[in-house]
PDB file of N, CA and C in Angstrom:
ATOM      1  N   MET A   1      -7.018 -58.645 -26.385  1.00  0.00           N
ATOM      2  CA  MET A   1      -6.551 -57.336 -26.705  1.00  0.00           C
ATOM      3  C   MET A   1      -7.043 -56.568 -25.622  1.00  0.00           C
ATOM      4  N   MET A   2      -6.040 -55.430 -25.271  1.00  0.00           N
ATOM      5  CA  MET A   2      -6.194 -55.119 -23.816  1.00  0.00           C
ATOM      6  C   MET A   2      -7.216 -53.420 -24.282  1.00  0.00           C
ATOM      7  N   THR A   3      -7.984 -52.963 -23.369  1.00  0.00           N
ATOM      8  CA  THR A   3      -8.830 -51.808 -23.592  1.00  0.00           C
ATOM      9  C   THR A   3      -7.908 -50.652 -23.394  1.00  0.00           C
ATOM     10  N   SER A   4      -8.182 -49.307 -23.444  1.00  0.00           N
ATOM     11  CA  SER A   4      -7.157 -48.338 -23.205  1.00  0.00           C
ATOM     12  C   SER A   4      -7.516 -48.178 -21.855  1.00  0.00           C
ATOM     13  N   PHE A   5      -8.434 -48.597 -20.822  1.00  0.00           N
ATOM     14  CA  PHE A   5      -8.868 -48.194 -19.361  1.00  0.00           C
ATOM     15  C   PHE A   5      -7.792 -49.654 -18.918  1.00  0.00           C
ATOM     16  N   GLN A   6      -7.456 -50.679 -19.624  1.00  0.00           N
ATOM     17  CA  GLN A   6      -6.801 -51.926 -18.997  1.00  0.00           C
ATOM     18  C   GLN A   6      -5.344 -51.378 -18.927  1.00  0.00           C
ATOM     19  N   LEU A   7      -5.165 -50.914 -20.105  1.00  0.00           N
ATOM     20  CA  LEU A   7      -3.337 -50.331 -20.249  1.00  0.00           C
ATOM     21  C   LEU A   7      -3.259 -49.071 -19.249  1.00  0.00           C
ATOM     22  N   ALA A   8      -4.216 -48.384 -19.202  1.00  0.00           N
ATOM     23  CA  ALA A   8      -3.752 -47.111 -18.084  1.00  0.00           C
ATOM     24  C   ALA A   8      -3.801 -47.554 -16.788  1.00  0.00           C
ATOM     25  N   GLN A   9      -4.672 -48.624 -16.188  1.00  0.00           N
ATOM     26  CA  GLN A   9      -4.541 -49.230 -15.186  1.00  0.00           C
ATOM     27  C   GLN A   9      -3.303 -49.915 -14.699  1.00  0.00           C
ATOM     28  N   SER A  10      -3.001 -50.931 -15.891  1.00  0.00           N
ATOM     29  CA  SER A  10      -1.770 -51.572 -15.678  1.00  0.00           C
ATOM     30  C   SER A  10      -0.479 -50.399 -15.626  1.00  0.00           C
ATOM     31  N   LEU A  11      -0.359 -49.371 -16.355  1.00  0.00           N
ATOM     32  CA  LEU A  11       0.577 -48.398 -16.250  1.00  0.00           C
ATOM     33  C   LEU A  11       0.679 -47.561 -14.966  1.00  0.00           C
ATOM     34  N   VAL A  12      -0.491 -47.471 -14.202  1.00  0.00           N
ATOM     35  CA  VAL A  12      -0.845 -46.909 -13.048  1.00  0.00           C
ATOM     36  C   VAL A  12       0.098 -48.142 -11.931  1.00  0.00           C
ATOM     37  N   VAL A  13      -0.342 -49.289 -11.935  1.00  0.00           N
ATOM     38  CA  VAL A  13      -0.071 -50.149 -11.115  1.00  0.00           C
ATOM     39  C   VAL A  13       1.542 -50.217 -11.145  1.00  0.00           C
ATOM     40  N   LEU A  14       1.989 -50.327 -12.352  1.00  0.00           N
ATOM     41  CA  LEU A  14       3.527 -50.159 -12.650  1.00  0.00           C
ATOM     42  C   LEU A  14       4.253 -49.010 -11.936  1.00  0.00           C
ATOM     43  N   MET A  15       3.536 -48.173 -12.040  1.00  0.00           N
ATOM     44  CA  MET A  15       4.252 -46.418 -11.493  1.00  0.00           C
ATOM     45  C   MET A  15       4.329 -46.957  -9.995  1.00  0.00           C
ATOM     46  N   VAL A  16       3.286 -47.369  -9.441  1.00  0.00           N
ATOM     47  CA  VAL A  16       3.073 -47.576  -7.957  1.00  0.00           C
ATOM     48  C   VAL A  16       4.002 -48.409  -7.524  1.00  0.00           C
ATOM     49  N   VAL A  17       4.446 -49.628  -8.136  1.00  0.00           N
ATOM     50  CA  VAL A  17       5.479 -50.718  -7.821  1.00  0.00           C
ATOM     51  C   VAL A  17       6.834 -49.957  -7.735  1.00  0.00           C
ATOM     52  N   LEU A  18       6.894 -49.295  -8.974  1.00  0.00           N
ATOM     53  CA  LEU A  18       8.254 -48.655  -8.944  1.00  0.00           C
ATOM     54  C   LEU A  18       8.621 -47.721  -7.873  1.00  0.00           C
ATOM     55  N   GLY A  19       7.648 -46.999  -7.951  1.00  0.00           N
ATOM     56  CA  GLY A  19       7.593 -45.954  -6.430  1.00  0.00           C
ATOM     57  C   GLY A  19       7.766 -46.610  -5.480  1.00  0.00           C
ATOM     58  N   ALA A  20       7.235 -47.592  -5.110  1.00  0.00           N
ATOM     59  CA  ALA A  20       7.281 -48.181  -3.521  1.00  0.00           C
ATOM     60  C   ALA A  20       8.788 -48.856  -3.479  1.00  0.00           C
ATOM     61  N   ILE A  21       9.317 -49.213  -4.665  1.00  0.00           N
ATOM     62  CA  ILE A  21      10.781 -49.845  -4.735  1.00  0.00           C
ATOM     63  C   ILE A  21      11.746 -48.623  -4.369  1.00  0.00           C
ATOM     64  N   VAL A  22      11.780 -47.526  -5.073  1.00  0.00           N
ATOM     65  CA  VAL A  22      12.426 -46.406  -4.982  1.00  0.00           C
ATOM     66  C   VAL A  22      12.179 -45.910  -3.728  1.00  0.00           C
ATOM     67  N   ALA A  23      10.883 -45.948  -3.173  1.00  0.00           N
ATOM     68  CA  ALA A  23      10.926 -45.279  -1.872  1.00  0.00           C
ATOM     69  C   ALA A  23      11.647 -46.314  -0.873  1.00  0.00           C
ATOM     70  N   ALA A  24      11.585 -47.587  -0.819  1.00  0.00           N
ATOM     71  CA  ALA A  24      12.137 -48.610  -0.085  1.00  0.00           C
ATOM     72  C   ALA A  24      13.698 -48.534   0.051  1.00  0.00           C
ATOM     73  N   ARG A  25      14.018 -48.358  -0.931  1.00  0.00           N
ATOM     74  CA  ARG A  25      15.723 -48.073  -1.056  1.00  0.00           C
ATOM     75  C   ARG A  25      16.341 -47.868   0.094  1.00  0.00           C
ATOM     76  N   PRO A  26      16.321 -46.584   0.565  1.00  0.00           N
ATOM     77  CA  PRO A  26      16.771 -46.099   1.815  1.00  0.00           C
ATOM     78  C   PRO A  26      16.803 -47.154   3.095  1.00  0.00           C
ATOM     79  N   LEU A  27      15.644 -47.646   3.051  1.00  0.00           N
ATOM     80  CA  LEU A  27      15.496 -48.515   4.232  1.00  0.00           C
ATOM     81  C   LEU A  27      16.067 -50.060   3.935  1.00  0.00           C
ATOM     82  N   ILE A  28      16.180 -50.220   2.692  1.00  0.00           N
ATOM     83  CA  ILE A  28      16.972 -51.808   2.649  1.00  0.00           C
ATOM     84  C   ILE A  28      18.325 -51.255   2.818  1.00  0.00           C
ATOM     85  N   LEU A  29      19.038 -50.197   2.237  1.00  0.00           N
ATOM     86  CA  LEU A  29      20.365 -49.942   2.373  1.00  0.00           C
ATOM     87  C   LEU A  29      20.716 -49.767   3.945  1.00  0.00           C
ATOM     88  N   ARG A  30      19.789 -49.319   4.701  1.00  0.00           N
ATOM     89  CA  ARG A  30      20.023 -49.146   6.220  1.00  0.00           C
ATOM     90  C   ARG A  30      20.038 -50.637   6.700  1.00  0.00           C
ATOM     91  N   TRP A  31      19.015 -51.361   6.367  1.00  0.00           N
ATOM     92  CA  TRP A  31      19.037 -52.914   6.894  1.00  0.00           C
ATOM     93  C   TRP A  31      20.242 -53.713   6.685  1.00  0.00           C
ATOM     94  N   GLY A  32      20.745 -53.353   5.450  1.00  0.00           N
ATOM     95  CA  GLY A  32      22.053 -54.147   4.942  1.00  0.00           C
ATOM     96  C   GLY A  32      23.396 -53.702   5.803  1.00  0.00           C
ATOM     97  N   ASN A  33      23.157 -52.365   6.006  1.00  0.00           N
ATOM     98  CA  ASN A  33      24.374 -51.911   6.910  1.00  0.00           C
ATOM     99  C   ASN A  33      24.195 -52.209   8.416  1.00  0.00           C
ATOM    100  N   MET A  34      23.414 -52.643   8.841  1.00  0.00           N
ATOM    101  CA  MET A  34      22.945 -53.034  10.375  1.00  0.00           C
ATOM    102  C   MET A  34      23.141 -54.458  10.396  1.00  0.00           C
ATOM    103  N   ARG A  35      23.231 -55.247   9.314  1.00  0.00           N
ATOM    104  CA  ARG A  35      23.383 -56.740   9.199  1.00  0.00           C
ATOM    105  C   ARG A  35      24.659 -56.860   9.194  1.00  0.00           C
ATOM    106  N   THR A  36      25.567 -56.000   8.634  1.00  0.00           N
ATOM    107  CA  THR A  36      27.090 -56.083   8.427  1.00  0.00           C
ATOM    108  C   THR A  36      27.950 -55.349   9.278  1.00  0.00           C
ATOM    109  N   GLY A  37      27.238 -54.322  10.216  1.00  0.00           N
ATOM    110  CA  GLY A  37      27.958 -53.951  11.301  1.00  0.00           C
ATOM    111  C   GLY A  37      28.706 -52.736  10.647  1.00  0.00           C
ATOM    112  N   ALA A  38      28.268 -52.058   9.574  1.00  0.00           N
ATOM    113  CA  ALA A  38      29.019 -51.002   9.211  1.00  0.00           C
ATOM    114  C   ALA A  38      28.093 -49.944   9.345  1.00  0.00           C
ATOM    115  N   SER A  39      28.299 -49.324  10.600  1.00  0.00           N
ATOM    116  CA  SER A  39      27.484 -48.212  11.228  1.00  0.00           C
ATOM    117  C   SER A  39      28.200 -47.041  11.471  1.00  0.00           C
ATOM    118  N   ALA A  40      27.690 -46.022  12.033  1.00  0.00           N
ATOM    119  CA  ALA A  40      28.566 -44.684  12.242  1.00  0.00           C
ATOM    120  C   ALA A  40      29.299 -44.852  13.753  1.00  0.00           C
ATOM    121  N   SER A  41      29.352 -45.917  14.321  1.00  0.00           N
ATOM    122  CA  SER A  41      29.868 -46.187  15.569  1.00  0.00           C
ATOM    123  C   SER A  41      31.556 -46.022  15.453  1.00  0.00           C
ATOM    124  N   PRO A  42      32.205 -45.069  16.453  1.00  0.00           N
ATOM    125  CA  PRO A  42      33.449 -44.856  16.383  1.00  0.00           C
ATOM    126  C   PRO A  42      34.228 -46.079  16.775  1.00  0.00           C
ATOM    127  N   PHE A  43      33.542 -47.266  17.357  1.00  0.00           N
ATOM    128  CA  PHE A  43      34.340 -48.358  17.793  1.00  0.00           C
ATOM    129  C   PHE A  43      34.539 -49.258  16.993  1.00  0.00           C
ATOM    130  N   ARG A  44      35.655 -50.065  16.618  1.00  0.00           N
ATOM    131  CA  ARG A  44      35.674 -50.969  15.726  1.00  0.00           C
ATOM    132  C   ARG A  44      36.338 -52.071  16.288  1.00  0.00           C
ATOM    133  N   ILE A  45      36.233 -53.313  16.374  1.00  0.00           N
ATOM    134  CA  ILE A  45      36.666 -54.913  16.914  1.00  0.00           C
ATOM    135  C   ILE A  45      37.867 -55.149  15.684  1.00  0.00           C
ATOM    136  N   ARG A  46      38.955 -54.884  16.297  1.00  0.00           N
ATOM    137  CA  ARG A  46      39.874 -55.546  15.028  1.00  0.00           C
ATOM    138  C   ARG A  46      40.174 -56.839  15.442  1.00  0.00           C
ATOM    139  N   GLY A  47      40.031 -57.452  16.483  1.00  0.00           N
ATOM    140  CA  GLY A  47      40.599 -58.884  16.884  1.00  0.00           C
ATOM    141  C   GLY A  47      40.325 -59.054  18.320  1.00  0.00           C
ATOM    142  N   ASN A  48      39.935 -60.606  18.326  1.00  0.00           N
ATOM    143  CA  ASN A  48      39.829 -60.916  20.102  1.00  0.00           C
ATOM    144  C   ASN A  48      40.223 -62.111  20.006  1.00  0.00           C
ATOM    145  N   LEU A  49      40.471 -62.711  21.249  1.00  0.00           N
ATOM    146  CA  LEU A  49      41.291 -64.043  21.728  1.00  0.00           C
ATOM    147  C   LEU A  49      40.696 -64.401  23.078  1.00  0.00           C
ATOM    148  N   GLN A  50      40.229 -65.453  23.022  1.00  0.00           N
ATOM    149  CA  GLN A  50      39.769 -66.262  24.127  1.00  0.00           C
ATOM    150  C   GLN A  50      40.878 -66.646  24.896  1.00  0.00           C
ATOM    151  N   LEU A  51      41.188 -66.165  26.257  1.00  0.00           N
ATOM    152  CA  LEU A  51      42.006 -66.435  27.154  1.00  0.00           C
ATOM    153  C   LEU A  51      41.927 -67.867  27.940  1.00  0.00           C
ATOM    154  N   ASP A  52      40.798 -67.807  28.423  1.00  0.00           N
ATOM    155  CA  ASP A  52      40.082 -68.896  29.330  1.00  0.00           C
ATOM    156  C   ASP A  52      38.881 -68.910  29.237  1.00  0.00           C
ATOM    157  N   ARG A  53      38.255 -69.689  30.037  1.00  0.00           N
ATOM    158  CA  ARG A  53      36.630 -69.993  30.117  1.00  0.00           C
ATOM    159  C   ARG A  53      35.835 -68.367  30.496  1.00  0.00           C
ATOM    160  N   ALA A  54      36.603 -67.466  31.290  1.00  0.00           N
ATOM    161  CA  ALA A  54      35.981 -66.455  31.762  1.00  0.00           C
ATOM    162  C   ALA A  54      36.547 -64.950  31.079  1.00  0.00           C
ATOM    163  N   ARG A  55      37.661 -65.142  30.457  1.00  0.00           N
ATOM    164  CA  ARG A  55      38.521 -64.020  30.167  1.00  0.00           C
ATOM    165  C   ARG A  55      38.651 -63.890  28.339  1.00  0.00           C
ATOM    166  N   ARG A  56      38.520 -62.553  28.016  1.00  0.00           N
ATOM    167  CA  ARG A  56      38.790 -62.697  26.515  1.00  0.00           C
ATOM    168  C   ARG A  56      39.685 -61.322  26.443  1.00  0.00           C
ATOM    169  N   LEU A  57      40.821 -61.243  25.477  1.00  0.00           N
ATOM    170  CA  LEU A  57      41.574 -60.318  25.089  1.00  0.00           C
ATOM    171  C   LEU A  57      40.999 -59.589  23.783  1.00  0.00           C
ATOM    172  N   MET A  58      40.617 -58.314  23.626  1.00  0.00           N
ATOM    173  CA  MET A  58      40.236 -57.569  22.636  1.00  0.00           C
ATOM    174  C   MET A  58      41.015 -56.585  22.546  1.00  0.00           C
ATOM    175  N   LEU A  59      41.305 -56.547  20.985  1.00  0.00           N
ATOM    176  CA  LEU A  59      42.009 -55.136  20.272  1.00  0.00           C
ATOM    177  C   LEU A  59      40.866 -54.296  19.618  1.00  0.00           C
ATOM    178  N   ILE A  60      40.829 -53.170  20.126  1.00  0.00           N
ATOM    179  CA  ILE A  60      39.657 -52.265  19.717  1.00  0.00           C
ATOM    180  C   ILE A  60      39.858 -50.852  19.175  1.00  0.00           C
ATOM    181  N   ASP A  61      39.662 -50.246  18.052  1.00  0.00           N
ATOM    182  CA  ASP A  61      39.787 -49.154  17.434  1.00  0.00           C
ATOM    183  C   ASP A  61      38.838 -48.182  17.995  1.00  0.00           C
ATOM    184  N   CYS A  62      39.299 -46.978  18.367  1.00  0.00           N
ATOM    185  CA  CYS A  62      38.228 -45.995  18.858  1.00  0.00           C
ATOM    186  C   CYS A  62      38.464 -44.620  18.184  1.00  0.00           C
ATOM    187  N   GLU A  63      38.161 -44.156  17.084  1.00  0.00           N
ATOM    188  CA  GLU A  63      38.515 -42.961  16.453  1.00  0.00           C
ATOM    189  C   GLU A  63      40.012 -42.632  16.404  1.00  0.00           C
ATOM    190  N   GLY A  64      40.485 -43.878  15.725  1.00  0.00           N
ATOM    191  CA  GLY A  64      42.049 -43.695  15.510  1.00  0.00           C
ATOM    192  C   GLY A  64      42.886 -44.215  16.593  1.00  0.00           C
ATOM    193  N   GLN A  65      42.586 -44.307  17.878  1.00  0.00           N
ATOM    194  CA  GLN A  65      43.163 -45.112  19.113  1.00  0.00           C
ATOM    195  C   GLN A  65      43.114 -46.171  19.155  1.00  0.00           C
ATOM    196  N   SER A  66      43.894 -47.230  19.389  1.00  0.00           N
ATOM    197  CA  SER A  66      43.968 -48.702  19.523  1.00  0.00           C
ATOM    198  C   SER A  66      44.007 -48.915  21.009  1.00  0.00           C
ATOM    199  N   VAL A  67      43.097 -49.791  21.633  1.00  0.00           N
ATOM    200  CA  VAL A  67      43.527 -50.395  22.938  1.00  0.00           C
ATOM    201  C   VAL A  67      43.305 -51.731  22.980  1.00  0.00           C
ATOM    202  N   LEU A  68      44.055 -52.263  24.097  1.00  0.00           N
ATOM    203  CA  LEU A  68      43.609 -53.782  24.202  1.00  0.00           C
ATOM    204  C   LEU A  68      42.783 -53.824  25.637  1.00  0.00           C
ATOM    205  N   LEU A  69      41.797 -54.644  25.359  1.00  0.00           N
ATOM    206  CA  LEU A  69      41.125 -55.058  26.571  1.00  0.00           C
ATOM    207  C   LEU A  69      41.167 -56.196  26.992  1.00  0.00           C
ATOM    208  N   VAL A  70      41.005 -56.662  28.360  1.00  0.00           N
ATOM    209  CA  VAL A  70      41.079 -57.922  29.108  1.00  0.00           C
ATOM    210  C   VAL A  70      39.725 -57.904  29.473  1.00  0.00           C
ATOM    211  N   VAL A  71      38.790 -58.604  29.244  1.00  0.00           N
ATOM    212  CA  VAL A  71      37.442 -58.591  29.798  1.00  0.00           C
ATOM    213  C   VAL A  71      37.004 -59.829  30.534  1.00  0.00           C
ATOM    214  N   GLY A  72      36.239 -59.890  31.452  1.00  0.00           N
ATOM    215  CA  GLY A  72      35.540 -61.050  32.118  1.00  0.00           C
ATOM    216  C   GLY A  72      36.448 -61.304  33.247  1.00  0.00           C
ATOM    217  N   GLY A  73      36.159 -62.364  33.961  1.00  0.00           N
ATOM    218  CA  GLY A  73      36.693 -62.520  35.265  1.00  0.00           C
ATOM    219  C   GLY A  73      35.958 -61.715  36.305  1.00  0.00           C
ATOM    220  N   HIS A  74      37.067 -61.352  37.088  1.00  0.00           N
ATOM    221  CA  HIS A  74      36.882 -60.392  38.530  1.00  0.00           C
ATOM    222  C   HIS A  74      36.938 -58.655  38.002  1.00  0.00           C
ATOM    223  N   ASN A  75      37.544 -58.802  37.224  1.00  0.00           N
ATOM    224  CA  ASN A  75      38.064 -56.987  36.612  1.00  0.00           C
ATOM    225  C   ASN A  75      38.343 -57.130  35.250  1.00  0.00           C
ATOM    226  N   ASP A  76      38.046 -56.024  34.716  1.00  0.00           N
ATOM    227  CA  ASP A  76      38.375 -55.596  33.264  1.00  0.00           C
ATOM    228  C   ASP A  76      39.577 -54.765  33.332  1.00  0.00           C
ATOM    229  N   VAL A  77      40.550 -55.020  31.955  1.00  0.00           N
ATOM    230  CA  VAL A  77      41.664 -54.235  32.229  1.00  0.00           C
ATOM    231  C   VAL A  77      41.754 -53.300  30.911  1.00  0.00           C
ATOM    232  N   ILE A  78      42.314 -52.136  30.805  1.00  0.00           N
ATOM    233  CA  ILE A  78      42.463 -51.486  29.541  1.00  0.00           C
ATOM    234  C   ILE A  78      43.735 -51.079  29.397  1.00  0.00           C
ATOM    235  N   MET A  79      44.338 -51.402  28.241  1.00  0.00           N
ATOM    236  CA  MET A  79      45.925 -51.005  28.145  1.00  0.00           C
ATOM    237  C   MET A  79      45.946 -50.384  26.941  1.00  0.00           C
ATOM    238  N   PRO A  80      46.714 -49.225  26.846  1.00  0.00           N
ATOM    239  CA  PRO A  80      46.750 -48.481  25.625  1.00  0.00           C
ATOM    240  C   PRO A  80      47.596 -49.149  24.435  1.00  0.00           C
ATOM    241  N   TRP A  81      47.605 -49.148  23.161  1.00  0.00           N
ATOM    242  CA  TRP A  81      48.251 -49.666  22.168  1.00  0.00           C
ATOM    243  C   TRP A  81      49.515 -48.916  22.179  1.00  0.00           C
ATOM    244  N   PRO A  82      50.583 -49.405  22.320  1.00  0.00           N
ATOM    245  CA  PRO A  82      51.593 -48.461  21.765  1.00  0.00           C
ATOM    246  C   PRO A  82      51.687 -47.927  20.688  1.00  0.00           C
ATOM    247  N   GLU A  83      52.159 -46.569  20.698  1.00  0.00           N
ATOM    248  CA  GLU A  83      52.146 -45.778  19.383  1.00  0.00           C
ATOM    249  C   GLU A  83      53.372 -46.187  18.623  1.00  0.00           C
ATOM    250  N   LYS A  84      53.495 -46.040  17.266  1.00  0.00           N
ATOM    251  CA  LYS A  84      54.490 -46.230  16.298  1.00  0.00           C
ATOM    252  C   LYS A  84      55.684 -45.360  16.823  1.00  0.00           C
ATOM    253  N   GLY A  85      57.042 -46.084  16.885  1.00  0.00           N
ATOM    254  CA  GLY A  85      58.377 -45.495  17.124  1.00  0.00           C
ATOM    255  C   GLY A  85      58.288 -45.426  18.615  1.00  0.00           C
ATOM    256  N   ALA A  86      57.294 -45.719  19.561  1.00  0.00           N
ATOM    257  CA  ALA A  86      57.588 -45.567  20.948  1.00  0.00           C
ATOM    258  C   ALA A  86      58.301 -46.600  21.345  1.00  0.00           C
ATOM    259  N   SER A  87      59.313 -46.474  22.463  1.00  0.00           N
ATOM    260  CA  SER A  87      60.109 -47.360  23.045  1.00  0.00           C
ATOM    261  C   SER A  87      59.446 -48.056  24.229  1.00  0.00           C
ATOM    262  N   SER A  88      59.586 -49.470  24.657  1.00  0.00           N
ATOM    263  CA  SER A  88      59.223 -49.826  25.890  1.00  0.00           C
ATOM    264  C   SER A  88      60.257 -49.880  26.791  1.00  0.00           C
TER     265      SER A  88
END
């Protein structure tokens, strides 16, 4: 049989554990976002393709604008993605 002191002690410990869980929730959510890459960065890699051993073609979104990047090798090249309805 539990005494009133043991019951009070158990309730205090339970409150401390629940408080720690509630306090840690924002940190856990932030850690989950960092793992998945869901950050506040304006950049998003939509796709990439290995061209050869040194070069890679990447399609990147930056604040609603899309660009193609060729990175690696001796120089990098940035090409704007054509707008919808634009003729070449």
